[in-house]
Structures are given as structure tokens and as C-alpha cells.
Amino acid sequence: MGYVYHGNYALYYEIARVESFRHLGVTYKEVEETGVLMPVLESRSRFIGPASYDEELRIVTYIREKPKAKIKFNYEIYSCTKDPINTGETTLVFVDKLTRKPCKPPEILQTVLQPYFELKVSI
């Protein structure tokens, strides 16, 4: 068909998550070294328009809510012509590596995300 296979969008979301963390100064590996895993609990995708093979895409990633036992990522994918082609979200749960039970986010992640969720009020 000349279009990107819809299943590839899950991979695009994963790359966006990994690079978002890297941009914040922490890697997935560093998070996992704290003893916390982050399996995907839920994934949603909405297709607005097609992406063509070999087309350069831009993925914008948001974390709109301060993570607790879960973290939700929102994505917007744009074509090379800047047209929106996809929106999506994934929810990951923080899981203790040893007990396999949900836990709070590791300190390293809380620290890098905190400035983005601080309330700034001017009077």
C-alpha cells in the first residue's frame, strides 16, 4: 500500500518514551537499575492520516500527570508536511523487580519530573 503498517506505531511510542527520558537526563536502564520495571498496561492509538514509507516523522511526547503507581505518556505524530497523522497514549505501571508488585516511581524519576509538576503562582 505504500503506507506504514499500523503495528509500527507501538514501536514509535516506545522510542519516544525512551528518548523522552533520555532528554530529561535519565535512561530506562538507570530506572531498571533501581529495581523498578515499567511494563505497558494499556496502549491506545488513533489514526488521522497515513505515514508513507521512508517518510520522516516528528513525535511529540507529553507526560501530563505526575506519576504515582502508573505513568501515562501521550503522543502526537506529525508527517514531514507537519500534518497530524496519529495520536496515542500508553500507560505503564511501576513494578518492583523482585516482588512483581506495583510500587511508586523510583526517586531518580521523581527528581527529574518534579520541576514539570511544581505549581508556580504569581501574585
PDB file of N, CA and C in Angstrom:
ATOM      1  N   MET A   1       0.808  -1.196   0.000  1.00  0.00           N
ATOM      2  CA  MET A   1       0.000   0.000   0.000  1.00  0.00           C
ATOM      3  C   MET A   1       0.854   1.264   0.000  1.00  0.00           C
ATOM      4  N   GLY A   2       2.103   1.155   0.391  1.00  0.00           N
ATOM      5  CA  GLY A   2       2.948   2.339   0.460  1.00  0.00           C
ATOM      6  C   GLY A   2       2.844   3.101   1.767  1.00  0.00           C
ATOM      7  N   TYR A   3       2.013   2.585   2.691  1.00  0.00           N
ATOM      8  CA  TYR A   3       1.852   3.229   3.991  1.00  0.00           C
ATOM      9  C   TYR A   3       2.545   2.409   5.074  1.00  0.00           C
ATOM     10  N   VAL A   4       2.863   3.079   6.179  1.00  0.00           N
ATOM     11  CA  VAL A   4       3.471   2.411   7.322  1.00  0.00           C
ATOM     12  C   VAL A   4       2.439   1.479   7.962  1.00  0.00           C
ATOM     13  N   TYR A   5       2.837   0.276   8.283  1.00  0.00           N
ATOM     14  CA  TYR A   5       1.989  -0.710   8.939  1.00  0.00           C
ATOM     15  C   TYR A   5       1.559  -0.184  10.310  1.00  0.00           C
ATOM     16  N   HIS A   6       0.280  -0.303  10.629  1.00  0.00           N
ATOM     17  CA  HIS A   6      -0.254   0.270  11.865  1.00  0.00           C
ATOM     18  C   HIS A   6       0.425  -0.263  13.126  1.00  0.00           C
ATOM     19  N   GLY A   7       0.891  -1.495  13.101  1.00  0.00           N
ATOM     20  CA  GLY A   7       1.552  -2.075  14.266  1.00  0.00           C
ATOM     21  C   GLY A   7       2.870  -1.396  14.622  1.00  0.00           C
ATOM     22  N   ASN A   8       3.451  -0.679  13.671  1.00  0.00           N
ATOM     23  CA  ASN A   8       4.716   0.013  13.934  1.00  0.00           C
ATOM     24  C   ASN A   8       4.553   1.176  14.905  1.00  0.00           C
ATOM     25  N   TYR A   9       3.345   1.669  15.053  1.00  0.00           N
ATOM     26  CA  TYR A   9       3.148   2.824  15.927  1.00  0.00           C
ATOM     27  C   TYR A   9       3.481   2.501  17.382  1.00  0.00           C
ATOM     28  N   ALA A  10       3.267   1.269  17.824  1.00  0.00           N
ATOM     29  CA  ALA A  10       3.653   0.880  19.184  1.00  0.00           C
ATOM     30  C   ALA A  10       5.160   1.023  19.362  1.00  0.00           C
ATOM     31  N   LEU A  11       5.916   0.675  18.341  1.00  0.00           N
ATOM     32  CA  LEU A  11       7.371   0.852  18.387  1.00  0.00           C
ATOM     33  C   LEU A  11       7.734   2.333  18.410  1.00  0.00           C
ATOM     34  N   TYR A  12       7.036   3.140  17.626  1.00  0.00           N
ATOM     35  CA  TYR A  12       7.286   4.588  17.636  1.00  0.00           C
ATOM     36  C   TYR A  12       7.048   5.155  19.033  1.00  0.00           C
ATOM     37  N   TYR A  13       5.986   4.688  19.697  1.00  0.00           N
ATOM     38  CA  TYR A  13       5.703   5.153  21.051  1.00  0.00           C
ATOM     39  C   TYR A  13       6.832   4.765  22.010  1.00  0.00           C
ATOM     40  N   GLU A  14       7.323   3.544  21.872  1.00  0.00           N
ATOM     41  CA  GLU A  14       8.405   3.114  22.764  1.00  0.00           C
ATOM     42  C   GLU A  14       9.666   3.951  22.553  1.00  0.00           C
ATOM     43  N   ILE A  15      10.016   4.185  21.320  1.00  0.00           N
ATOM     44  CA  ILE A  15      11.188   5.016  21.027  1.00  0.00           C
ATOM     45  C   ILE A  15      10.988   6.414  21.610  1.00  0.00           C
ATOM     46  N   ALA A  16       9.787   6.948  21.477  1.00  0.00           N
ATOM     47  CA  ALA A  16       9.501   8.281  22.016  1.00  0.00           C
ATOM     48  C   ALA A  16       9.640   8.304  23.538  1.00  0.00           C
ATOM     49  N   ARG A  17       9.181   7.257  24.222  1.00  0.00           N
ATOM     50  CA  ARG A  17       9.319   7.190  25.686  1.00  0.00           C
ATOM     51  C   ARG A  17      10.782   7.156  26.091  1.00  0.00           C
ATOM     52  N   VAL A  18      11.535   6.293  25.445  1.00  0.00           N
ATOM     53  CA  VAL A  18      12.953   6.140  25.772  1.00  0.00           C
ATOM     54  C   VAL A  18      13.689   7.459  25.555  1.00  0.00           C
ATOM     55  N   GLU A  19      13.429   8.097  24.433  1.00  0.00           N
ATOM     56  CA  GLU A  19      14.113   9.355  24.127  1.00  0.00           C
ATOM     57  C   GLU A  19      13.641  10.496  25.024  1.00  0.00           C
ATOM     58  N   SER A  20      12.388  10.462  25.459  1.00  0.00           N
ATOM     59  CA  SER A  20      11.893  11.479  26.395  1.00  0.00           C
ATOM     60  C   SER A  20      12.655  11.398  27.712  1.00  0.00           C
ATOM     61  N   PHE A  21      12.810  10.198  28.219  1.00  0.00           N
ATOM     62  CA  PHE A  21      13.584  10.020  29.448  1.00  0.00           C
ATOM     63  C   PHE A  21      15.023  10.486  29.251  1.00  0.00           C
ATOM     64  N   ARG A  22      15.612  10.095  28.142  1.00  0.00           N
ATOM     65  CA  ARG A  22      16.998  10.486  27.859  1.00  0.00           C
ATOM     66  C   ARG A  22      17.118  12.016  27.826  1.00  0.00           C
ATOM     67  N   HIS A  23      16.138  12.675  27.227  1.00  0.00           N
ATOM     68  CA  HIS A  23      16.123  14.131  27.164  1.00  0.00           C
ATOM     69  C   HIS A  23      16.049  14.742  28.567  1.00  0.00           C
ATOM     70  N   LEU A  24      15.361  14.069  29.480  1.00  0.00           N
ATOM     71  CA  LEU A  24      15.249  14.539  30.860  1.00  0.00           C
ATOM     72  C   LEU A  24      16.507  14.244  31.678  1.00  0.00           C
ATOM     73  N   GLY A  25      17.400  13.431  31.133  1.00  0.00           N
ATOM     74  CA  GLY A  25      18.653  13.140  31.826  1.00  0.00           C
ATOM     75  C   GLY A  25      18.687  11.814  32.559  1.00  0.00           C
ATOM     76  N   VAL A  26      17.740  10.931  32.274  1.00  0.00           N
ATOM     77  CA  VAL A  26      17.716   9.604  32.891  1.00  0.00           C
ATOM     78  C   VAL A  26      17.395   8.585  31.800  1.00  0.00           C
ATOM     79  N   THR A  27      17.976   7.405  31.905  1.00  0.00           N
ATOM     80  CA  THR A  27      17.725   6.370  30.910  1.00  0.00           C
ATOM     81  C   THR A  27      16.840   5.269  31.497  1.00  0.00           C
ATOM     82  N   TYR A  28      16.215   4.513  30.625  1.00  0.00           N
ATOM     83  CA  TYR A  28      15.429   3.356  31.074  1.00  0.00           C
ATOM     84  C   TYR A  28      16.315   2.403  31.871  1.00  0.00           C
ATOM     85  N   LYS A  29      17.529   2.237  31.420  1.00  0.00           N
ATOM     86  CA  LYS A  29      18.462   1.339  32.113  1.00  0.00           C
ATOM     87  C   LYS A  29      18.678   1.809  33.544  1.00  0.00           C
ATOM     88  N   GLU A  30      18.847   3.112  33.736  1.00  0.00           N
ATOM     89  CA  GLU A  30      19.043   3.641  35.088  1.00  0.00           C
ATOM     90  C   GLU A  30      17.808   3.417  35.954  1.00  0.00           C
ATOM     91  N   VAL A  31      16.637   3.553  35.364  1.00  0.00           N
ATOM     92  CA  VAL A  31      15.401   3.299  36.103  1.00  0.00           C
ATOM     93  C   VAL A  31      15.357   1.827  36.520  1.00  0.00           C
ATOM     94  N   GLU A  32      15.642   0.927  35.588  1.00  0.00           N
ATOM     95  CA  GLU A  32      15.597  -0.504  35.905  1.00  0.00           C
ATOM     96  C   GLU A  32      16.668  -0.904  36.912  1.00  0.00           C
ATOM     97  N   GLU A  33      17.790  -0.189  36.926  1.00  0.00           N
ATOM     98  CA  GLU A  33      18.846  -0.479  37.902  1.00  0.00           C
ATOM     99  C   GLU A  33      18.420  -0.134  39.321  1.00  0.00           C
ATOM    100  N   THR A  34      17.351   0.653  39.476  1.00  0.00           N
ATOM    101  CA  THR A  34      16.825   0.947  40.816  1.00  0.00           C
ATOM    102  C   THR A  34      15.949  -0.189  41.329  1.00  0.00           C
ATOM    103  N   GLY A  35      15.688  -1.173  40.477  1.00  0.00           N
ATOM    104  CA  GLY A  35      14.842  -2.303  40.872  1.00  0.00           C
ATOM    105  C   GLY A  35      13.387  -2.128  40.492  1.00  0.00           C
ATOM    106  N   VAL A  36      13.116  -1.155  39.618  1.00  0.00           N
ATOM    107  CA  VAL A  36      11.740  -0.890  39.196  1.00  0.00           C
ATOM    108  C   VAL A  36      11.626  -1.138  37.691  1.00  0.00           C
ATOM    109  N   LEU A  37      10.634  -1.950  37.316  1.00  0.00           N
ATOM    110  CA  LEU A  37      10.342  -2.213  35.909  1.00  0.00           C
ATOM    111  C   LEU A  37       9.125  -1.384  35.514  1.00  0.00           C
ATOM    112  N   MET A  38       8.929  -1.211  34.202  1.00  0.00           N
ATOM    113  CA  MET A  38       7.816  -0.392  33.724  1.00  0.00           C
ATOM    114  C   MET A  38       7.098  -1.071  32.561  1.00  0.00           C
ATOM    115  N   PRO A  39       6.343  -2.141  32.829  1.00  0.00           N
ATOM    116  CA  PRO A  39       5.611  -2.786  31.734  1.00  0.00           C
ATOM    117  C   PRO A  39       4.425  -1.933  31.282  1.00  0.00           C
ATOM    118  N   VAL A  40       4.079  -2.090  30.013  1.00  0.00           N
ATOM    119  CA  VAL A  40       2.932  -1.378  29.451  1.00  0.00           C
ATOM    120  C   VAL A  40       1.652  -2.040  29.949  1.00  0.00           C
ATOM    121  N   LEU A  41       0.772  -1.236  30.482  1.00  0.00           N
ATOM    122  CA  LEU A  41      -0.514  -1.710  30.987  1.00  0.00           C
ATOM    123  C   LEU A  41      -1.609  -1.505  29.941  1.00  0.00           C
ATOM    124  N   GLU A  42      -1.509  -0.393  29.210  1.00  0.00           N
ATOM    125  CA  GLU A  42      -2.534  -0.058  28.228  1.00  0.00           C
ATOM    126  C   GLU A  42      -1.915   0.769  27.107  1.00  0.00           C
ATOM    127  N   SER A  43      -2.431   0.576  25.896  1.00  0.00           N
ATOM    128  CA  SER A  43      -1.971   1.351  24.743  1.00  0.00           C
ATOM    129  C   SER A  43      -3.174   1.679  23.855  1.00  0.00           C
ATOM    130  N   ARG A  44      -3.246   2.940  23.435  1.00  0.00           N
ATOM    131  CA  ARG A  44      -4.321   3.385  22.544  1.00  0.00           C
ATOM    132  C   ARG A  44      -3.710   4.161  21.393  1.00  0.00           C
ATOM    133  N   SER A  45      -4.358   4.071  20.258  1.00  0.00           N
ATOM    134  CA  SER A  45      -3.856   4.761  19.072  1.00  0.00           C
ATOM    135  C   SER A  45      -5.021   5.218  18.212  1.00  0.00           C
ATOM    136  N   ARG A  46      -4.912   6.435  17.691  1.00  0.00           N
ATOM    137  CA  ARG A  46      -5.941   6.975  16.795  1.00  0.00           C
ATOM    138  C   ARG A  46      -5.244   7.435  15.516  1.00  0.00           C
ATOM    139  N   PHE A  47      -5.673   6.903  14.411  1.00  0.00           N
ATOM    140  CA  PHE A  47      -5.061   7.215  13.122  1.00  0.00           C
ATOM    141  C   PHE A  47      -5.839   8.331  12.444  1.00  0.00           C
ATOM    142  N   ILE A  48      -5.136   9.390  12.102  1.00  0.00           N
ATOM    143  CA  ILE A  48      -5.743  10.563  11.489  1.00  0.00           C
ATOM    144  C   ILE A  48      -5.446  10.588   9.994  1.00  0.00           C
ATOM    145  N   GLY A  49      -4.241  10.235   9.642  1.00  0.00           N
ATOM    146  CA  GLY A  49      -3.812  10.209   8.245  1.00  0.00           C
ATOM    147  C   GLY A  49      -2.679   9.215   8.099  1.00  0.00           C
ATOM    148  N   PRO A  50      -2.306   8.884   6.881  1.00  0.00           N
ATOM    149  CA  PRO A  50      -1.265   7.879   6.673  1.00  0.00           C
ATOM    150  C   PRO A  50       0.154   8.451   6.740  1.00  0.00           C
ATOM    151  N   ALA A  51       1.075   7.596   7.132  1.00  0.00           N
ATOM    152  CA  ALA A  51       2.505   7.883   7.011  1.00  0.00           C
ATOM    153  C   ALA A  51       3.020   7.004   5.874  1.00  0.00           C
ATOM    154  N   SER A  52       3.818   7.569   5.023  1.00  0.00           N
ATOM    155  CA  SER A  52       4.374   6.822   3.896  1.00  0.00           C
ATOM    156  C   SER A  52       5.709   6.202   4.274  1.00  0.00           C
ATOM    157  N   TYR A  53       6.051   5.120   3.599  1.00  0.00           N
ATOM    158  CA  TYR A  53       7.357   4.504   3.829  1.00  0.00           C
ATOM    159  C   TYR A  53       8.451   5.520   3.577  1.00  0.00           C
ATOM    160  N   ASP A  54       9.467   5.487   4.401  1.00  0.00           N
ATOM    161  CA  ASP A  54      10.657   6.324   4.295  1.00  0.00           C
ATOM    162  C   ASP A  54      10.358   7.803   4.535  1.00  0.00           C
ATOM    163  N   GLU A  55       9.202   8.101   5.102  1.00  0.00           N
ATOM    164  CA  GLU A  55       8.863   9.482   5.432  1.00  0.00           C
ATOM    165  C   GLU A  55       9.398   9.807   6.821  1.00  0.00           C
ATOM    166  N   GLU A  56       9.992  10.967   6.980  1.00  0.00           N
ATOM    167  CA  GLU A  56      10.467  11.395   8.285  1.00  0.00           C
ATOM    168  C   GLU A  56       9.275  11.889   9.096  1.00  0.00           C
ATOM    169  N   LEU A  57       9.165  11.396  10.336  1.00  0.00           N
ATOM    170  CA  LEU A  57       8.052  11.752  11.206  1.00  0.00           C
ATOM    171  C   LEU A  57       8.575  12.519  12.412  1.00  0.00           C
ATOM    172  N   ARG A  58       7.710  13.327  12.998  1.00  0.00           N
ATOM    173  CA  ARG A  58       8.041  14.030  14.238  1.00  0.00           C
ATOM    174  C   ARG A  58       7.067  13.547  15.300  1.00  0.00           C
ATOM    175  N   ILE A  59       7.615  13.113  16.433  1.00  0.00           N
ATOM    176  CA  ILE A  59       6.782  12.603  17.517  1.00  0.00           C
ATOM    177  C   ILE A  59       6.939  13.526  18.717  1.00  0.00           C
ATOM    178  N   VAL A  60       5.828  14.059  19.182  1.00  0.00           N
ATOM    179  CA  VAL A  60       5.807  14.917  20.366  1.00  0.00           C
ATOM    180  C   VAL A  60       5.245  14.072  21.501  1.00  0.00           C
ATOM    181  N   THR A  61       5.958  14.065  22.632  1.00  0.00           N
ATOM    182  CA  THR A  61       5.577  13.226  23.764  1.00  0.00           C
ATOM    183  C   THR A  61       5.288  14.092  24.984  1.00  0.00           C
ATOM    184  N   TYR A  62       4.191  13.784  25.680  1.00  0.00           N
ATOM    185  CA  TYR A  62       3.797  14.523  26.877  1.00  0.00           C
ATOM    186  C   TYR A  62       3.587  13.565  28.043  1.00  0.00           C
ATOM    187  N   ILE A  63       3.920  14.036  29.234  1.00  0.00           N
ATOM    188  CA  ILE A  63       3.513  13.389  30.480  1.00  0.00           C
ATOM    189  C   ILE A  63       2.702  14.468  31.181  1.00  0.00           C
ATOM    190  N   ARG A  64       1.394  14.361  31.141  1.00  0.00           N
ATOM    191  CA  ARG A  64       0.525  15.442  31.617  1.00  0.00           C
ATOM    192  C   ARG A  64       0.196  15.358  33.103  1.00  0.00           C
ATOM    193  N   GLU A  65       0.371  14.182  33.684  1.00  0.00           N
ATOM    194  CA  GLU A  65       0.053  13.998  35.100  1.00  0.00           C
ATOM    195  C   GLU A  65       1.269  13.472  35.834  1.00  0.00           C
ATOM    196  N   LYS A  66       1.462  13.957  37.040  1.00  0.00           N
ATOM    197  CA  LYS A  66       2.571  13.476  37.862  1.00  0.00           C
ATOM    198  C   LYS A  66       2.362  11.987  38.143  1.00  0.00           C
ATOM    199  N   PRO A  67       3.363  11.165  37.847  1.00  0.00           N
ATOM    200  CA  PRO A  67       3.189   9.720  38.036  1.00  0.00           C
ATOM    201  C   PRO A  67       3.087   9.326  39.507  1.00  0.00           C
ATOM    202  N   LYS A  68       2.254   8.319  39.726  1.00  0.00           N
ATOM    203  CA  LYS A  68       2.139   7.722  41.058  1.00  0.00           C
ATOM    204  C   LYS A  68       2.548   6.258  40.907  1.00  0.00           C
ATOM    205  N   ALA A  69       1.592   5.333  40.897  1.00  0.00           N
ATOM    206  CA  ALA A  69       1.925   3.925  40.637  1.00  0.00           C
ATOM    207  C   ALA A  69       1.966   3.655  39.138  1.00  0.00           C
ATOM    208  N   LYS A  70       1.441   4.616  38.367  1.00  0.00           N
ATOM    209  CA  LYS A  70       1.408   4.498  36.911  1.00  0.00           C
ATOM    210  C   LYS A  70       1.942   5.787  36.298  1.00  0.00           C
ATOM    211  N   ILE A  71       2.354   5.683  35.048  1.00  0.00           N
ATOM    212  CA  ILE A  71       2.764   6.855  34.291  1.00  0.00           C
ATOM    213  C   ILE A  71       2.110   6.771  32.913  1.00  0.00           C
ATOM    214  N   LYS A  72       1.502   7.888  32.503  1.00  0.00           N
ATOM    215  CA  LYS A  72       0.815   7.914  31.210  1.00  0.00           C
ATOM    216  C   LYS A  72       1.570   8.845  30.258  1.00  0.00           C
ATOM    217  N   PHE A  73       1.860   8.315  29.080  1.00  0.00           N
ATOM    218  CA  PHE A  73       2.505   9.091  28.024  1.00  0.00           C
ATOM    219  C   PHE A  73       1.475   9.367  26.935  1.00  0.00           C
ATOM    220  N   ASN A  74       1.441  10.602  26.452  1.00  0.00           N
ATOM    221  CA  ASN A  74       0.598  10.973  25.316  1.00  0.00           C
ATOM    222  C   ASN A  74       1.508  11.319  24.147  1.00  0.00           C
ATOM    223  N   TYR A  75       1.067  10.966  22.947  1.00  0.00           N
ATOM    224  CA  TYR A  75       1.888  11.161  21.748  1.00  0.00           C
ATOM    225  C   TYR A  75       1.091  11.858  20.663  1.00  0.00           C
ATOM    226  N   GLU A  76       1.779  12.689  19.913  1.00  0.00           N
ATOM    227  CA  GLU A  76       1.249  13.275  18.691  1.00  0.00           C
ATOM    228  C   GLU A  76       2.291  13.034  17.615  1.00  0.00           C
ATOM    229  N   ILE A  77       1.891  12.433  16.519  1.00  0.00           N
ATOM    230  CA  ILE A  77       2.835  12.152  15.433  1.00  0.00           C
ATOM    231  C   ILE A  77       2.435  12.985  14.225  1.00  0.00           C
ATOM    232  N   TYR A  78       3.443  13.631  13.661  1.00  0.00           N
ATOM    233  CA  TYR A  78       3.235  14.521  12.521  1.00  0.00           C
ATOM    234  C   TYR A  78       4.046  14.045  11.327  1.00  0.00           C
ATOM    235  N   SER A  79       3.495  14.274  10.134  1.00  0.00           N
ATOM    236  CA  SER A  79       4.188  13.937   8.889  1.00  0.00           C
ATOM    237  C   SER A  79       5.255  14.993   8.595  1.00  0.00           C
ATOM    238  N   CYS A  80       6.028  14.740   7.569  1.00  0.00           N
ATOM    239  CA  CYS A  80       7.062  15.701   7.170  1.00  0.00           C
ATOM    240  C   CYS A  80       6.445  17.013   6.686  1.00  0.00           C
ATOM    241  N   THR A  81       5.161  16.996   6.325  1.00  0.00           N
ATOM    242  CA  THR A  81       4.465  18.220   5.920  1.00  0.00           C
ATOM    243  C   THR A  81       3.793  18.895   7.116  1.00  0.00           C
ATOM    244  N   LYS A  82       4.076  18.382   8.321  1.00  0.00           N
ATOM    245  CA  LYS A  82       3.567  18.907   9.589  1.00  0.00           C
ATOM    246  C   LYS A  82       2.082  18.634   9.811  1.00  0.00           C
ATOM    247  N   ASP A  83       1.527  17.736   9.021  1.00  0.00           N
ATOM    248  CA  ASP A  83       0.145  17.336   9.219  1.00  0.00           C
ATOM    249  C   ASP A  83       0.068  16.289  10.325  1.00  0.00           C
ATOM    250  N   PRO A  84      -0.925  16.378  11.215  1.00  0.00           N
ATOM    251  CA  PRO A  84      -1.069  15.329  12.228  1.00  0.00           C
ATOM    252  C   PRO A  84      -1.509  14.023  11.574  1.00  0.00           C
ATOM    253  N   ILE A  85      -0.854  12.925  11.956  1.00  0.00           N
ATOM    254  CA  ILE A  85      -1.231  11.633  11.384  1.00  0.00           C
ATOM    255  C   ILE A  85      -1.662  10.614  12.439  1.00  0.00           C
ATOM    256  N   ASN A  86      -1.313  10.882  13.723  1.00  0.00           N
ATOM    257  CA  ASN A  86      -1.632   9.897  14.753  1.00  0.00           C
ATOM    258  C   ASN A  86      -1.587  10.562  16.120  1.00  0.00           C
ATOM    259  N   THR A  87      -2.476  10.122  17.005  1.00  0.00           N
ATOM    260  CA  THR A  87      -2.364  10.456  18.420  1.00  0.00           C
ATOM    261  C   THR A  87      -2.460   9.144  19.182  1.00  0.00           C
ATOM    262  N   GLY A  88      -1.836   9.117  20.332  1.00  0.00           N
ATOM    263  CA  GLY A  88      -1.889   7.888  21.106  1.00  0.00           C
ATOM    264  C   GLY A  88      -1.516   8.123  22.550  1.00  0.00           C
ATOM    265  N   GLU A  89      -1.677   7.079  23.328  1.00  0.00           N
ATOM    266  CA  GLU A  89      -1.249   7.123  24.713  1.00  0.00           C
ATOM    267  C   GLU A  89      -0.908   5.721  25.177  1.00  0.00           C
ATOM    268  N   THR A  90       0.040   5.659  26.083  1.00  0.00           N
ATOM    269  CA  THR A  90       0.365   4.394  26.740  1.00  0.00           C
ATOM    270  C   THR A  90       0.400   4.645  28.240  1.00  0.00           C
ATOM    271  N   THR A  91      -0.060   3.668  28.985  1.00  0.00           N
ATOM    272  CA  THR A  91       0.021   3.712  30.439  1.00  0.00           C
ATOM    273  C   THR A  91       0.938   2.578  30.868  1.00  0.00           C
ATOM    274  N   LEU A  92       1.950   2.934  31.644  1.00  0.00           N
ATOM    275  CA  LEU A  92       2.879   1.952  32.175  1.00  0.00           C
ATOM    276  C   LEU A  92       2.721   1.928  33.690  1.00  0.00           C
ATOM    277  N   VAL A  93       2.956   0.789  34.281  1.00  0.00           N
ATOM    278  CA  VAL A  93       2.863   0.657  35.728  1.00  0.00           C
ATOM    279  C   VAL A  93       4.264   0.420  36.284  1.00  0.00           C
ATOM    280  N   PHE A  94       4.554   1.033  37.419  1.00  0.00           N
ATOM    281  CA  PHE A  94       5.830   0.801  38.094  1.00  0.00           C
ATOM    282  C   PHE A  94       5.706  -0.489  38.896  1.00  0.00           C
ATOM    283  N   VAL A  95       6.637  -1.415  38.674  1.00  0.00           N
ATOM    284  CA  VAL A  95       6.586  -2.727  39.308  1.00  0.00           C
ATOM    285  C   VAL A  95       7.937  -3.021  39.950  1.00  0.00           C
ATOM    286  N   ASP A  96       7.890  -3.458  41.208  1.00  0.00           N
ATOM    287  CA  ASP A  96       9.108  -3.865  41.898  1.00  0.00           C
ATOM    288  C   ASP A  96       9.665  -5.113  41.223  1.00  0.00           C
ATOM    289  N   LYS A  97      10.922  -5.070  40.853  1.00  0.00           N
ATOM    290  CA  LYS A  97      11.560  -6.161  40.111  1.00  0.00           C
ATOM    291  C   LYS A  97      11.529  -7.484  40.877  1.00  0.00           C
ATOM    292  N   LEU A  98      11.659  -7.432  42.189  1.00  0.00           N
ATOM    293  CA  LEU A  98      11.712  -8.656  42.989  1.00  0.00           C
ATOM    294  C   LEU A  98      10.334  -9.200  43.337  1.00  0.00           C
ATOM    295  N   THR A  99       9.441  -8.336  43.787  1.00  0.00           N
ATOM    296  CA  THR A  99       8.125  -8.799  44.239  1.00  0.00           C
ATOM    297  C   THR A  99       7.102  -8.875  43.112  1.00  0.00           C
ATOM    298  N   ARG A 100       7.398  -8.158  41.990  1.00  0.00           N
ATOM    299  CA  ARG A 100       6.472  -8.070  40.850  1.00  0.00           C
ATOM    300  C   ARG A 100       5.153  -7.403  41.223  1.00  0.00           C
ATOM    301  N   LYS A 101       5.191  -6.571  42.260  1.00  0.00           N
ATOM    302  CA  LYS A 101       4.010  -5.831  42.694  1.00  0.00           C
ATOM    303  C   LYS A 101       4.173  -4.358  42.347  1.00  0.00           C
ATOM    304  N   PRO A 102       3.038  -3.670  42.132  1.00  0.00           N
ATOM    305  CA  PRO A 102       3.120  -2.235  41.840  1.00  0.00           C
ATOM    306  C   PRO A 102       3.832  -1.484  42.959  1.00  0.00           C
ATOM    307  N   CYS A 103       4.524  -0.428  42.579  1.00  0.00           N
ATOM    308  CA  CYS A 103       5.248   0.389  43.540  1.00  0.00           C
ATOM    309  C   CYS A 103       5.240   1.838  43.058  1.00  0.00           C
ATOM    310  N   LYS A 104       5.796   2.720  43.850  1.00  0.00           N
ATOM    311  CA  LYS A 104       5.854   4.122  43.431  1.00  0.00           C
ATOM    312  C   LYS A 104       7.042   4.313  42.478  1.00  0.00           C
ATOM    313  N   PRO A 105       7.064   5.421  41.762  1.00  0.00           N
ATOM    314  CA  PRO A 105       8.173   5.661  40.829  1.00  0.00           C
ATOM    315  C   PRO A 105       9.501   5.746  41.584  1.00  0.00           C
ATOM    316  N   PRO A 106      10.576   5.324  40.953  1.00  0.00           N
ATOM    317  CA  PRO A 106      11.863   5.437  41.617  1.00  0.00           C
ATOM    318  C   PRO A 106      12.242   6.903  41.828  1.00  0.00           C
ATOM    319  N   GLU A 107      13.009   7.158  42.852  1.00  0.00           N
ATOM    320  CA  GLU A 107      13.420   8.519  43.220  1.00  0.00           C
ATOM    321  C   GLU A 107      14.072   9.253  42.057  1.00  0.00           C
ATOM    322  N   ILE A 108      14.913   8.561  41.289  1.00  0.00           N
ATOM    323  CA  ILE A 108      15.607   9.189  40.165  1.00  0.00           C
ATOM    324  C   ILE A 108      14.618   9.783  39.159  1.00  0.00           C
ATOM    325  N   LEU A 109      13.506   9.103  38.943  1.00  0.00           N
ATOM    326  CA  LEU A 109      12.494   9.590  38.001  1.00  0.00           C
ATOM    327  C   LEU A 109      11.661  10.705  38.629  1.00  0.00           C
ATOM    328  N   GLN A 110      11.313  10.565  39.887  1.00  0.00           N
ATOM    329  CA  GLN A 110      10.570  11.617  40.572  1.00  0.00           C
ATOM    330  C   GLN A 110      11.347  12.933  40.569  1.00  0.00           C
ATOM    331  N   THR A 111      12.650  12.835  40.760  1.00  0.00           N
ATOM    332  CA  THR A 111      13.501  14.023  40.811  1.00  0.00           C
ATOM    333  C   THR A 111      13.528  14.764  39.483  1.00  0.00           C
ATOM    334  N   VAL A 112      13.687  14.047  38.370  1.00  0.00           N
ATOM    335  CA  VAL A 112      13.773  14.729  37.074  1.00  0.00           C
ATOM    336  C   VAL A 112      12.417  15.255  36.611  1.00  0.00           C
ATOM    337  N   LEU A 113      11.329  14.640  37.054  1.00  0.00           N
ATOM    338  CA  LEU A 113       9.999  15.089  36.642  1.00  0.00           C
ATOM    339  C   LEU A 113       9.429  16.200  37.532  1.00  0.00           C
ATOM    340  N   GLN A 114       9.891  16.296  38.765  1.00  0.00           N
ATOM    341  CA  GLN A 114       9.331  17.240  39.733  1.00  0.00           C
ATOM    342  C   GLN A 114       9.217  18.671  39.204  1.00  0.00           C
ATOM    343  N   PRO A 115      10.234  19.238  38.561  1.00  0.00           N
ATOM    344  CA  PRO A 115      10.111  20.632  38.100  1.00  0.00           C
ATOM    345  C   PRO A 115       8.952  20.863  37.128  1.00  0.00           C
ATOM    346  N   TYR A 116       8.532  19.844  36.427  1.00  0.00           N
ATOM    347  CA  TYR A 116       7.456  19.980  35.454  1.00  0.00           C
ATOM    348  C   TYR A 116       6.072  19.953  36.089  1.00  0.00           C
ATOM    349  N   PHE A 117       6.011  19.585  37.369  1.00  0.00           N
ATOM    350  CA  PHE A 117       4.723  19.481  38.041  1.00  0.00           C
ATOM    351  C   PHE A 117       4.611  20.396  39.257  1.00  0.00           C
ATOM    352  N   GLU A 118       5.590  21.277  39.438  1.00  0.00           N
ATOM    353  CA  GLU A 118       5.523  22.224  40.542  1.00  0.00           C
ATOM    354  C   GLU A 118       4.543  23.330  40.192  1.00  0.00           C
ATOM    355  N   LEU A 119       3.764  23.695  41.159  1.00  0.00           N
ATOM    356  CA  LEU A 119       2.809  24.786  40.980  1.00  0.00           C
ATOM    357  C   LEU A 119       3.540  26.109  41.116  1.00  0.00           C
ATOM    358  N   LYS A 120       3.442  26.945  40.086  1.00  0.00           N
ATOM    359  CA  LYS A 120       4.080  28.253  40.117  1.00  0.00           C
ATOM    360  C   LYS A 120       2.969  29.296  40.117  1.00  0.00           C
ATOM    361  N   VAL A 121       2.892  30.040  41.183  1.00  0.00           N
ATOM    362  CA  VAL A 121       1.839  31.043  41.331  1.00  0.00           C
ATOM    363  C   VAL A 121       2.475  32.410  41.479  1.00  0.00           C
ATOM    364  N   SER A 122       2.013  33.355  40.705  1.00  0.00           N
ATOM    365  CA  SER A 122       2.468  34.743  40.834  1.00  0.00           C
ATOM    366  C   SER A 122       1.316  35.586  41.338  1.00  0.00           C
ATOM    367  N   ILE A 123       1.644  36.525  42.230  1.00  0.00           N
ATOM    368  CA  ILE A 123       0.595  37.404  42.757  1.00  0.00           C
ATOM    369  C   ILE A 123       0.949  38.833  42.383  1.00  0.00           C
TER     370      ILE A 123
END
